[in-house]
C-alpha atoms as a PDB file:
ATOM      1  CA  MET A   1       0.000   0.000   0.000  1.00  0.00           C
ATOM      2  CA  ARG A   2       1.263   3.458  -0.856  1.00  0.00           C
ATOM      3  CA  GLY A   3       1.949   5.714   2.077  1.00  0.00           C
ATOM      4  CA  TRP A   4       0.650   9.271   2.282  1.00  0.00           C
ATOM      5  CA  TRP A   5       4.241  10.534   1.996  1.00  0.00           C
ATOM      6  CA  GLN A   6       4.574   8.787  -1.374  1.00  0.00           C
ATOM      7  CA  ASP A   7       1.407  10.467  -2.664  1.00  0.00           C
ATOM      8  CA  LEU A   8       2.716  13.839  -1.472  1.00  0.00           C
ATOM      9  CA  THR A   9       6.075  13.220  -3.131  1.00  0.00           C
ATOM     10  CA  ASP A  10       4.360  12.425  -6.440  1.00  0.00           C
ATOM     11  CA  LEU A  11       2.477  15.733  -6.292  1.00  0.00           C
ATOM     12  CA  VAL A  12       5.673  17.730  -5.778  1.00  0.00           C
ATOM     13  CA  LEU A  13       8.042  15.598  -7.854  1.00  0.00           C
ATOM     14  CA  PRO A  14       6.209  12.955  -9.891  1.00  0.00           C
ATOM     15  CA  ALA A  15       7.877   9.590 -10.287  1.00  0.00           C
ATOM     16  CA  GLU A  16       7.661   9.822 -14.065  1.00  0.00           C
ATOM     17  CA  CYS A  17       6.756  12.110 -16.956  1.00  0.00           C
ATOM     18  CA  GLY A  18       3.016  12.125 -17.552  1.00  0.00           C
ATOM     19  CA  GLY A  19       3.553  11.672 -21.285  1.00  0.00           C
ATOM     20  CA  CYS A  20       6.372   9.188 -21.847  1.00  0.00           C
ATOM     21  CA  GLY A  21       7.296   7.917 -18.398  1.00  0.00           C
ATOM     22  CA  SER A  22      10.742   9.504 -18.149  1.00  0.00           C
ATOM     23  CA  ALA A  23      11.957   9.461 -14.551  1.00  0.00           C
ATOM     24  CA  ARG A  24      11.535  12.324 -12.096  1.00  0.00           C
ATOM     25  CA  THR A  25       9.979  15.030 -14.177  1.00  0.00           C
ATOM     26  CA  VAL A  26       6.487  16.471 -14.411  1.00  0.00           C
ATOM     27  CA  LEU A  27       6.671  16.700 -18.178  1.00  0.00           C
ATOM     28  CA  CYS A  28       9.816  16.130 -20.193  1.00  0.00           C
ATOM     29  CA  PRO A  29      10.814  18.667 -22.879  1.00  0.00           C
ATOM     30  CA  ARG A  30       9.693  16.387 -25.720  1.00  0.00           C
ATOM     31  CA  CYS A  31       6.236  15.835 -24.249  1.00  0.00           C
ATOM     32  CA  ARG A  32       5.907  19.509 -23.345  1.00  0.00           C
ATOM     33  CA  THR A  33       6.581  20.354 -26.982  1.00  0.00           C
ATOM     34  CA  ALA A  34       3.956  17.836 -28.103  1.00  0.00           C
ATOM     35  CA  LEU A  35       1.432  19.468 -25.774  1.00  0.00           C
ATOM     36  CA  SER A  36       2.014  23.150 -26.470  1.00  0.00           C
ATOM     37  CA  GLY A  37       4.909  23.507 -28.880  1.00  0.00           C
ATOM     38  CA  ALA A  38       2.769  24.147 -31.954  1.00  0.00           C
ATOM     39  CA  ALA A  39       0.406  27.043 -32.577  1.00  0.00           C
ATOM     40  CA  PRO A  40      -3.192  26.224 -31.548  1.00  0.00           C
ATOM     41  CA  ARG A  41      -5.416  25.358 -34.479  1.00  0.00           C
ATOM     42  CA  ARG A  42      -9.061  25.671 -35.405  1.00  0.00           C
ATOM     43  CA  VAL A  43     -10.690  22.252 -35.145  1.00  0.00           C
ATOM     44  CA  ARG A  44     -13.963  20.883 -36.470  1.00  0.00           C
ATOM     45  CA  PRO A  45     -15.274  17.351 -35.929  1.00  0.00           C
ATOM     46  CA  VAL A  46     -16.890  15.323 -38.695  1.00  0.00           C
ATOM     47  CA  PRO A  47     -19.817  15.395 -38.678  1.00  0.00           C
ATOM     48  CA  GLU A  48     -19.964  18.889 -37.182  1.00  0.00           C
ATOM     49  CA  PRO A  49     -22.891  19.224 -34.757  1.00  0.00           C
ATOM     50  CA  PRO A  50     -25.264  22.109 -35.533  1.00  0.00           C
ATOM     51  CA  GLY A  51     -24.671  24.905 -33.057  1.00  0.00           C
ATOM     52  CA  LEU A  52     -21.051  24.041 -32.272  1.00  0.00           C
ATOM     53  CA  PRO A  53     -19.127  27.281 -31.683  1.00  0.00           C
ATOM     54  CA  VAL A  54     -15.710  27.973 -33.163  1.00  0.00           C
ATOM     55  CA  VAL A  55     -13.259  25.654 -31.374  1.00  0.00           C
ATOM     56  CA  HIS A  56      -9.469  25.882 -31.084  1.00  0.00           C
ATOM     57  CA  ALA A  57      -7.220  23.140 -29.737  1.00  0.00           C
ATOM     58  CA  ALA A  58      -3.629  23.224 -28.557  1.00  0.00           C
ATOM     59  CA  ALA A  59      -2.691  19.699 -29.612  1.00  0.00           C
ATOM     60  CA  ARG A  60      -3.787  16.486 -31.277  1.00  0.00           C
ATOM     61  CA  TYR A  61      -5.181  13.848 -28.968  1.00  0.00           C
ATOM     62  CA  ALA A  62      -2.620  11.131 -29.595  1.00  0.00           C
ATOM     63  CA  ASP A  63       0.446   9.483 -28.086  1.00  0.00           C
ATOM     64  CA  GLU A  64       2.080  11.639 -25.395  1.00  0.00           C
ATOM     65  CA  VAL A  65      -0.740  14.186 -25.273  1.00  0.00           C
ATOM     66  CA  ARG A  66      -3.301  11.445 -24.745  1.00  0.00           C
ATOM     67  CA  ALA A  67      -1.165   9.970 -21.962  1.00  0.00           C
ATOM     68  CA  VAL A  68      -0.851  13.353 -20.235  1.00  0.00           C
ATOM     69  CA  LEU A  69      -4.587  14.015 -20.278  1.00  0.00           C
ATOM     70  CA  LEU A  70      -5.406  10.536 -18.996  1.00  0.00           C
ATOM     71  CA  ALA A  71      -2.794  10.818 -16.241  1.00  0.00           C
ATOM     72  CA  HIS A  72      -4.338  14.087 -15.073  1.00  0.00           C
ATOM     73  CA  LYS A  73      -7.955  13.030 -15.452  1.00  0.00           C
ATOM     74  CA  GLU A  74      -8.000   9.383 -14.408  1.00  0.00           C
ATOM     75  CA  ARG A  75      -4.922   9.011 -12.200  1.00  0.00           C
ATOM     76  CA  GLY A  76      -5.082  12.404 -10.516  1.00  0.00           C
ATOM     77  CA  VAL A  77      -1.543  13.518 -11.392  1.00  0.00           C
ATOM     78  CA  LEU A  78      -2.275  17.102 -10.369  1.00  0.00           C
ATOM     79  CA  ALA A  79       1.252  18.321 -11.095  1.00  0.00           C
ATOM     80  CA  LEU A  80       0.232  18.219 -14.769  1.00  0.00           C
ATOM     81  CA  THR A  81      -2.410  20.912 -14.215  1.00  0.00           C
ATOM     82  CA  ALA A  82       0.004  23.799 -14.854  1.00  0.00           C
ATOM     83  CA  PRO A  83       1.300  22.676 -18.269  1.00  0.00           C
ATOM     84  CA  LEU A  84      -2.234  21.685 -19.321  1.00  0.00           C
ATOM     85  CA  GLY A  85      -3.470  25.120 -18.235  1.00  0.00           C
ATOM     86  CA  ALA A  86      -0.740  26.809 -20.252  1.00  0.00           C
ATOM     87  CA  ALA A  87      -1.734  24.819 -23.338  1.00  0.00           C
ATOM     88  CA  LEU A  88      -5.402  25.713 -22.838  1.00  0.00           C
ATOM     89  CA  ALA A  89      -4.537  29.397 -22.410  1.00  0.00           C
ATOM     90  CA  GLY A  90      -2.869  29.327 -25.828  1.00  0.00           C
ATOM     91  CA  ALA A  91      -6.022  27.876 -27.389  1.00  0.00           C
ATOM     92  CA  VAL A  92      -8.128  30.546 -25.664  1.00  0.00           C
ATOM     93  CA  ARG A  93      -5.970  33.313 -27.139  1.00  0.00           C
ATOM     94  CA  ALA A  94      -6.236  31.791 -30.610  1.00  0.00           C
ATOM     95  CA  GLY A  95     -10.005  31.559 -30.329  1.00  0.00           C
ATOM     96  CA  LEU A  96     -10.407  35.144 -29.216  1.00  0.00           C
ATOM     97  CA  ARG A  97      -8.241  36.411 -32.069  1.00  0.00           C
ATOM     98  CA  GLU A  98     -10.542  34.694 -34.577  1.00  0.00           C
ATOM     99  CA  VAL A  99     -13.840  35.612 -32.949  1.00  0.00           C
ATOM    100  CA  ARG A 100     -12.683  39.171 -32.296  1.00  0.00           C
ATOM    101  CA  PRO A 101     -10.246  40.085 -35.089  1.00  0.00           C
ATOM    102  CA  GLY A 102      -7.556  42.520 -34.038  1.00  0.00           C
ATOM    103  CA  ALA A 103      -7.590  41.460 -30.415  1.00  0.00           C
ATOM    104  CA  GLY A 104      -4.232  42.298 -28.958  1.00  0.00           C
ATOM    105  CA  GLY A 105      -2.914  43.653 -25.723  1.00  0.00           C
ATOM    106  CA  ALA A 106      -1.071  41.700 -23.095  1.00  0.00           C
ATOM    107  CA  GLY A 107      -1.306  38.004 -23.746  1.00  0.00           C
ATOM    108  CA  GLY A 108      -3.037  38.609 -27.087  1.00  0.00           C
ATOM    109  CA  VAL A 109      -6.380  39.440 -25.446  1.00  0.00           C
ATOM    110  CA  ARG A 110      -8.128  42.785 -25.352  1.00  0.00           C
ATOM    111  CA  ALA A 111     -11.670  42.918 -24.028  1.00  0.00           C
ATOM    112  CA  ARG A 112     -14.137  45.350 -22.487  1.00  0.00           C
ATOM    113  CA  GLY A 113     -14.505  43.000 -19.552  1.00  0.00           C
ATOM    114  CA  PRO A 114     -12.652  39.954 -18.251  1.00  0.00           C
ATOM    115  CA  VAL A 115     -12.517  36.926 -20.476  1.00  0.00           C
ATOM    116  CA  LEU A 116     -14.923  34.429 -18.938  1.00  0.00           C
ATOM    117  CA  LEU A 117     -13.758  30.822 -19.070  1.00  0.00           C
ATOM    118  CA  VAL A 118     -16.755  28.530 -18.654  1.00  0.00           C
ATOM    119  CA  PRO A 119     -15.711  24.906 -18.064  1.00  0.00           C
ATOM    120  CA  VAL A 120     -17.854  22.048 -19.307  1.00  0.00           C
ATOM    121  CA  PRO A 121     -18.688  20.135 -16.110  1.00  0.00           C
ATOM    122  CA  SER A 122     -17.951  16.470 -15.615  1.00  0.00           C
ATOM    123  CA  ALA A 123     -20.722  14.170 -14.456  1.00  0.00           C
ATOM    124  CA  ARG A 124     -21.141  14.187 -10.693  1.00  0.00           C
ATOM    125  CA  ARG A 125     -20.440  10.469 -10.593  1.00  0.00           C
ATOM    126  CA  ALA A 126     -17.147  10.968 -12.455  1.00  0.00           C
ATOM    127  CA  VAL A 127     -16.098  13.798 -10.151  1.00  0.00           C
ATOM    128  CA  ARG A 128     -16.728  11.612  -7.122  1.00  0.00           C
ATOM    129  CA  THR A 129     -14.751   8.753  -8.641  1.00  0.00           C
ATOM    130  CA  ARG A 130     -11.802  10.876  -9.756  1.00  0.00           C
ATOM    131  CA  GLY A 131     -11.794  13.184  -6.758  1.00  0.00           C
ATOM    132  CA  HIS A 132     -11.674  16.312  -8.937  1.00  0.00           C
ATOM    133  CA  ASP A 133     -13.196  17.980 -11.979  1.00  0.00           C
ATOM    134  CA  PRO A 134     -10.390  18.026 -14.590  1.00  0.00           C
ATOM    135  CA  ALA A 135     -11.843  20.683 -16.903  1.00  0.00           C
ATOM    136  CA  ARG A 136     -12.511  23.106 -14.059  1.00  0.00           C
ATOM    137  CA  ARG A 137      -9.045  22.579 -12.607  1.00  0.00           C
ATOM    138  CA  ILE A 138      -7.368  23.177 -15.981  1.00  0.00           C
ATOM    139  CA  ALA A 139      -9.577  26.244 -16.578  1.00  0.00           C
ATOM    140  CA  LEU A 140      -8.380  27.779 -13.307  1.00  0.00           C
ATOM    141  CA  ALA A 141      -4.775  27.192 -14.353  1.00  0.00           C
ATOM    142  CA  ALA A 142      -5.449  28.719 -17.789  1.00  0.00           C
ATOM    143  CA  ALA A 143      -7.037  31.818 -16.232  1.00  0.00           C
ATOM    144  CA  GLY A 144      -3.964  32.241 -14.060  1.00  0.00           C
ATOM    145  CA  GLU A 145      -1.731  31.915 -17.113  1.00  0.00           C
ATOM    146  CA  LEU A 146      -3.735  34.591 -18.952  1.00  0.00           C
ATOM    147  CA  ARG A 147      -3.588  36.939 -15.966  1.00  0.00           C
ATOM    148  CA  ARG A 148       0.185  36.502 -15.635  1.00  0.00           C
ATOM    149  CA  ALA A 149       0.428  37.593 -19.276  1.00  0.00           C
ATOM    150  CA  GLY A 150      -1.520  40.754 -18.423  1.00  0.00           C
ATOM    151  CA  ALA A 151      -4.999  39.759 -19.593  1.00  0.00           C
ATOM    152  CA  SER A 152      -8.104  40.004 -17.457  1.00  0.00           C
ATOM    153  CA  ALA A 153      -9.599  36.542 -17.104  1.00  0.00           C
ATOM    154  CA  ARG A 154     -11.706  34.589 -14.656  1.00  0.00           C
ATOM    155  CA  VAL A 155     -13.386  31.209 -14.431  1.00  0.00           C
ATOM    156  CA  LEU A 156     -17.171  31.216 -14.298  1.00  0.00           C
ATOM    157  CA  ALA A 157     -18.275  27.692 -13.440  1.00  0.00           C
ATOM    158  CA  VAL A 158     -21.990  28.241 -13.988  1.00  0.00           C
ATOM    159  CA  LEU A 159     -22.898  25.139 -15.983  1.00  0.00           C
ATOM    160  CA  ARG A 160     -24.711  22.374 -14.130  1.00  0.00           C
ATOM    161  CA  GLN A 161     -25.949  18.929 -15.129  1.00  0.00           C
ATOM    162  CA  ARG A 162     -29.748  18.819 -15.080  1.00  0.00           C
ATOM    163  CA  HIS A 163     -29.948  15.037 -15.118  1.00  0.00           C
ATOM    164  CA  PRO A 164     -27.599  12.044 -15.290  1.00  0.00           C
ATOM    165  CA  VAL A 165     -26.332  10.976 -18.695  1.00  0.00           C
ATOM    166  CA  ALA A 166     -25.001   7.671 -19.966  1.00  0.00           C
ATOM    167  CA  ASP A 167     -21.282   6.996 -20.219  1.00  0.00           C
ATOM    168  CA  GLN A 168     -20.163   8.571 -23.492  1.00  0.00           C
ATOM    169  CA  SER A 169     -17.166   6.331 -24.142  1.00  0.00           C
ATOM    170  CA  GLY A 170     -19.051   3.721 -26.192  1.00  0.00           C
ATOM    171  CA  LEU A 171     -21.345   6.117 -28.063  1.00  0.00           C
ATOM    172  CA  GLY A 172     -21.061   7.452 -31.598  1.00  0.00           C
ATOM    173  CA  ALA A 173     -21.367  11.110 -32.602  1.00  0.00           C
ATOM    174  CA  ARG A 174     -25.145  11.098 -33.099  1.00  0.00           C
ATOM    175  CA  GLN A 175     -25.717   9.018 -29.964  1.00  0.00           C
ATOM    176  CA  ARG A 176     -23.664  11.476 -27.919  1.00  0.00           C
ATOM    177  CA  LEU A 177     -25.748  14.387 -29.149  1.00  0.00           C
ATOM    178  CA  VAL A 178     -28.951  12.588 -28.173  1.00  0.00           C
ATOM    179  CA  ASN A 179     -27.477  11.531 -24.835  1.00  0.00           C
ATOM    180  CA  LEU A 180     -26.502  15.110 -23.926  1.00  0.00           C
ATOM    181  CA  ALA A 181     -29.500  16.959 -25.360  1.00  0.00           C
ATOM    182  CA  GLY A 182     -30.875  19.210 -22.625  1.00  0.00           C
ATOM    183  CA  ALA A 183     -28.455  17.796 -20.052  1.00  0.00           C
ATOM    184  CA  LEU A 184     -26.835  21.120 -19.120  1.00  0.00           C
ATOM    185  CA  ALA A 185     -28.220  24.341 -17.728  1.00  0.00           C
ATOM    186  CA  VAL A 186     -26.778  27.559 -16.369  1.00  0.00           C
ATOM    187  CA  ALA A 187     -27.169  27.984 -12.622  1.00  0.00           C
ATOM    188  CA  PRO A 188     -29.702  30.597 -11.445  1.00  0.00           C
ATOM    189  CA  GLY A 189     -28.211  34.057 -11.857  1.00  0.00           C
ATOM    190  CA  GLY A 190     -25.509  32.742 -14.159  1.00  0.00           C
ATOM    191  CA  GLY A 191     -26.990  34.317 -17.271  1.00  0.00           C
ATOM    192  CA  ARG A 192     -26.644  37.785 -15.757  1.00  0.00           C
ATOM    193  CA  LEU A 193     -23.007  37.076 -14.860  1.00  0.00           C
ATOM    194  CA  LEU A 194     -22.289  35.860 -18.378  1.00  0.00           C
ATOM    195  CA  CYS A 195     -23.847  38.979 -19.881  1.00  0.00           C
ATOM    196  CA  GLY A 196     -21.964  41.309 -17.557  1.00  0.00           C
ATOM    197  CA  GLY A 197     -18.431  40.318 -18.507  1.00  0.00           C
ATOM    198  CA  GLY A 198     -16.302  40.095 -21.599  1.00  0.00           C
ATOM    199  CA  PRO A 199     -16.155  37.336 -24.219  1.00  0.00           C
ATOM    200  CA  VAL A 200     -17.219  33.873 -23.115  1.00  0.00           C
ATOM    201  CA  VAL A 201     -14.988  30.913 -23.890  1.00  0.00           C
ATOM    202  CA  LEU A 202     -16.283  27.414 -23.248  1.00  0.00           C
ATOM    203  CA  VAL A 203     -13.363  25.251 -22.158  1.00  0.00           C
ATOM    204  CA  ASP A 204     -12.777  21.517 -21.823  1.00  0.00           C
ATOM    205  CA  ASP A 205      -9.805  19.201 -21.747  1.00  0.00           C
ATOM    206  CA  LEU A 206     -10.790  17.245 -24.861  1.00  0.00           C
ATOM    207  CA  MET A 207     -13.076  17.426 -27.886  1.00  0.00           C
ATOM    208  CA  THR A 208     -13.913  14.330 -29.903  1.00  0.00           C
ATOM    209  CA  THR A 209     -17.386  14.600 -31.457  1.00  0.00           C
ATOM    210  CA  GLY A 210     -18.151  18.111 -30.173  1.00  0.00           C
ATOM    211  CA  ALA A 211     -21.364  16.977 -28.440  1.00  0.00           C
ATOM    212  CA  SER A 212     -20.410  18.297 -24.997  1.00  0.00           C
ATOM    213  CA  LEU A 213     -19.375  21.731 -26.289  1.00  0.00           C
ATOM    214  CA  THR A 214     -22.507  21.950 -28.443  1.00  0.00           C
ATOM    215  CA  GLU A 215     -24.753  21.260 -25.451  1.00  0.00           C
ATOM    216  CA  ALA A 216     -22.783  23.706 -23.291  1.00  0.00           C
ATOM    217  CA  ALA A 217     -23.166  26.393 -25.970  1.00  0.00           C
ATOM    218  CA  ARG A 218     -26.912  25.771 -26.176  1.00  0.00           C
ATOM    219  CA  ALA A 219     -27.269  26.184 -22.411  1.00  0.00           C
ATOM    220  CA  VAL A 220     -25.219  29.393 -22.379  1.00  0.00           C
ATOM    221  CA  ARG A 221     -27.144  30.874 -25.301  1.00  0.00           C
ATOM    222  CA  ALA A 222     -30.477  30.116 -23.647  1.00  0.00           C
ATOM    223  CA  ALA A 223     -29.427  31.608 -20.313  1.00  0.00           C
ATOM    224  CA  THR A 224     -28.003  34.801 -21.785  1.00  0.00           C
ATOM    225  CA  ALA A 225     -30.984  35.313 -24.087  1.00  0.00           C
ATOM    226  CA  ASP A 226     -33.258  35.027 -21.046  1.00  0.00           C
ATOM    227  CA  ALA A 227     -31.083  37.485 -19.127  1.00  0.00           C
ATOM    228  CA  VAL A 228     -31.187  40.004 -21.972  1.00  0.00           C
ATOM    229  CA  MET A 229     -34.978  39.773 -22.258  1.00  0.00           C
ATOM    230  CA  ALA A 230     -35.336  40.104 -18.494  1.00  0.00           C
ATOM    231  CA  GLY A 231     -33.268  43.285 -18.676  1.00  0.00           C
ATOM    232  CA  VAL A 232     -35.453  44.654 -21.467  1.00  0.00           C
ATOM    233  CA  ASP A 233     -38.649  43.803 -19.597  1.00  0.00           C
ATOM    234  CA  ALA A 234     -37.311  45.415 -16.417  1.00  0.00           C
ATOM    235  CA  GLY A 235     -36.740  48.629 -18.318  1.00  0.00           C
ATOM    236  CA  ARG A 236     -40.204  48.884 -19.875  1.00  0.00           C
ATOM    237  CA  PRO A 237     -42.357  51.611 -18.280  1.00  0.00           C
ATOM    238  CA  ASP A 238     -45.541  50.485 -16.587  1.00  0.00           C
ATOM    239  CA  ALA A 239     -48.961  51.867 -17.483  1.00  0.00           C
ATOM    240  CA  SER A 240     -48.682  54.790 -15.019  1.00  0.00           C
ATOM    241  CA  GLU A 241     -45.513  56.037 -16.733  1.00  0.00           C
ATOM    242  CA  ARG A 242     -46.729  55.832 -20.330  1.00  0.00           C
ATOM    243  CA  GLY A 243     -47.278  59.116 -22.080  1.00  0.00           C
ATOM    244  CA  ARG A 244     -44.791  60.985 -19.845  1.00  0.00           C
ATOM    245  CA  GLY A 245     -42.100  61.326 -22.434  1.00  0.00           C
ATOM    246  CA  PRO A 246     -39.498  59.057 -23.983  1.00  0.00           C
ATOM    247  CA  ALA A 247     -38.898  55.886 -22.007  1.00  0.00           C
ATOM    248  CA  THR A 248     -35.413  54.808 -21.054  1.00  0.00           C
ATOM    249  CA  TYR A 249     -34.903  51.108 -21.481  1.00  0.00           C
ATOM    250  CA  ARG A 250     -32.378  49.208 -19.435  1.00  0.00           C
ATOM    251  CA  THR A 251     -30.846  46.220 -21.178  1.00  0.00           C
ATOM    252  CA  ALA A 252     -28.246  43.716 -20.129  1.00  0.00           C
ATOM    253  CA  LYS A 253     -24.704  44.917 -20.660  1.00  0.00           C
ATOM    254  CA  SER A 254     -23.956  42.379 -23.365  1.00  0.00           C
ATOM    255  CA  ALA A 255     -25.250  39.170 -24.822  1.00  0.00           C
ATOM    256  CA  VAL A 256     -23.497  35.944 -25.588  1.00  0.00           C
ATOM    257  CA  TYR A 257     -25.132  34.923 -28.833  1.00  0.00           C
ATOM    258  CA  PRO A 258     -22.850  33.364 -31.408  1.00  0.00           C
ATOM    259  CA  SER A 259     -23.697  31.762 -34.709  1.00  0.00           C
ATOM    260  CA  ALA A 260     -26.843  29.736 -34.281  1.00  0.00           C
ATOM    261  CA  ALA A 261     -27.418  26.338 -35.766  1.00  0.00           C
ATOM    262  CA  GLY A 262     -28.093  26.446 -39.477  1.00  0.00           C
ATOM    263  CA  GLU A 263     -27.184  30.079 -40.134  1.00  0.00           C
ATOM    264  CA  GLY A 264     -25.283  30.935 -43.279  1.00  0.00           C
ATOM    265  CA  ARG A 265     -21.601  31.696 -43.621  1.00  0.00           C
ATOM    266  CA  GLU A 266     -22.270  35.363 -44.292  1.00  0.00           C
ATOM    267  CA  GLU A 267     -24.117  35.709 -40.988  1.00  0.00           C
ATOM    268  CA  ARG A 268     -21.186  34.136 -39.197  1.00  0.00           C
ATOM    269  CA  LYS A 269     -18.885  36.742 -40.727  1.00  0.00           C
ATOM    270  CA  THR A 270     -20.986  39.765 -39.855  1.00  0.00           C
ATOM    271  CA  GLY A 271     -22.284  38.551 -36.523  1.00  0.00           C
ATOM    272  CA  PRO A 272     -25.866  37.885 -35.470  1.00  0.00           C
ATOM    273  CA  ARG A 273     -28.251  40.796 -35.141  1.00  0.00           C
ATOM    274  CA  MET A 274     -30.896  41.547 -32.561  1.00  0.00           C
ATOM    275  CA  ALA A 275     -33.491  44.302 -32.624  1.00  0.00           C
ATOM    276  CA  ASP A 276     -33.040  46.858 -29.876  1.00  0.00           C
ATOM    277  CA  PRO A 277     -36.024  48.131 -27.830  1.00  0.00           C
ATOM    278  CA  ASN A 278     -36.425  51.168 -30.108  1.00  0.00           C
ATOM    279  CA  GLY A 279     -36.812  49.039 -33.209  1.00  0.00           C
ATOM    280  CA  GLY A 280     -33.288  49.314 -34.581  1.00  0.00           C
ATOM    281  CA  GLY A 281     -31.036  46.425 -35.380  1.00  0.00           C
ATOM    282  CA  GLY A 282     -27.678  46.092 -33.714  1.00  0.00           C
ATOM    283  CA  VAL A 283     -24.890  43.557 -33.784  1.00  0.00           C
ATOM    284  CA  ILE A 284     -24.661  41.884 -30.411  1.00  0.00           C
ATOM    285  CA  ARG A 285     -21.374  42.880 -28.883  1.00  0.00           C
ATOM    286  CA  GLU A 286     -19.924  39.717 -27.429  1.00  0.00           C
ATOM    287  CA  ALA A 287     -19.354  36.352 -29.039  1.00  0.00           C
ATOM    288  CA  ILE A 288     -18.845  32.861 -27.782  1.00  0.00           C
ATOM    289  CA  CYS A 289     -16.085  30.485 -28.748  1.00  0.00           C
ATOM    290  CA  ALA A 290     -14.527  27.352 -27.317  1.00  0.00           C
ATOM    291  CA  ALA A 291     -11.043  26.118 -26.502  1.00  0.00           C
ATOM    292  CA  VAL A 292      -9.722  22.696 -25.574  1.00  0.00           C
ATOM    293  CA  VAL A 293      -6.354  21.248 -24.703  1.00  0.00           C
ATOM    294  CA  ALA A 294      -6.648  18.519 -27.323  1.00  0.00           C
ATOM    295  CA  ALA A 295      -8.925  17.323 -30.101  1.00  0.00           C
ATOM    296  CA  SER A 296      -9.101  14.199 -32.231  1.00  0.00           C
ATOM    297  CA  PRO A 297      -6.480  14.255 -35.026  1.00  0.00           C
ATOM    298  CA  ASP A 298      -9.141  14.137 -37.758  1.00  0.00           C
ATOM    299  CA  SER A 299     -10.741  17.338 -36.477  1.00  0.00           C
ATOM    300  CA  PHE A 300      -7.608  19.322 -37.360  1.00  0.00           C
ATOM    301  CA  GLU A 301      -8.257  18.724 -41.055  1.00  0.00           C
ATOM    302  CA  ILE A 302     -10.884  21.434 -41.435  1.00  0.00           C
ATOM    303  CA  ASN A 303     -10.190  22.376 -45.035  1.00  0.00           C
ATOM    304  CA  ARG A 304     -11.690  19.226 -46.481  1.00  0.00           C
ATOM    305  CA  ASN A 305     -13.753  19.345 -49.655  1.00  0.00           C
END
């Protein structure tokens, strides 16, 4: 039986590299390069689920990268959190540059409010078994990495599972979408928090079929749309105030409303539009994107015919 001092030693100085097993190192230089040595790339699974936001990944889910993620997730090698967070932070920056062209500033991120990293939650059963929520832990590390680079970033863990779902490991792409449909929701008050910050980035450790990120995006869109409408309704004058001059409408600070399922490419370029209370049309300010540490190798080939 392992003693508690051995567990503590592994946290401070792991017995082997999480990627290749080299002795006495958290992550050897070769595996660190495999994880975050290349520029993050736009990824798109095949088939692409309707409603999936733009996703960027730091690395391909194969070989050493796969071993690192499994060591962190399933074996609880928490010393790998920092390098995984750094890789995720790179994917976040890449996503924000594409969703908001010209974004710059410290760390490559410029925003009117803090970048909000929203982790996709693990099933409660999995969290109990593993003893931690990997995506949330990596998101916290990524936010710290972004802040050290001078960007304003915070983790907003507002997504909750509404009901249990089946184990995804043996399911195909379509089965995963069905399994997760309606499974996530934003916690009460979370929509207002999402609207009140800067760009929202859904984050996870891994993307395979895109089903989890698609469901997370649906839940965030629904919550922020409700928050915006609640703000509009709160600003409407009641009957006693009508006829006393122009009304001042209070709306939510911003809305997270990216490309919806089925919209055309041109709409994705210009951004969705929403009528304001006075009848005009305005482009909604903030956008949503997603970032993951790794994605399936096939998803990196996005320029297919």
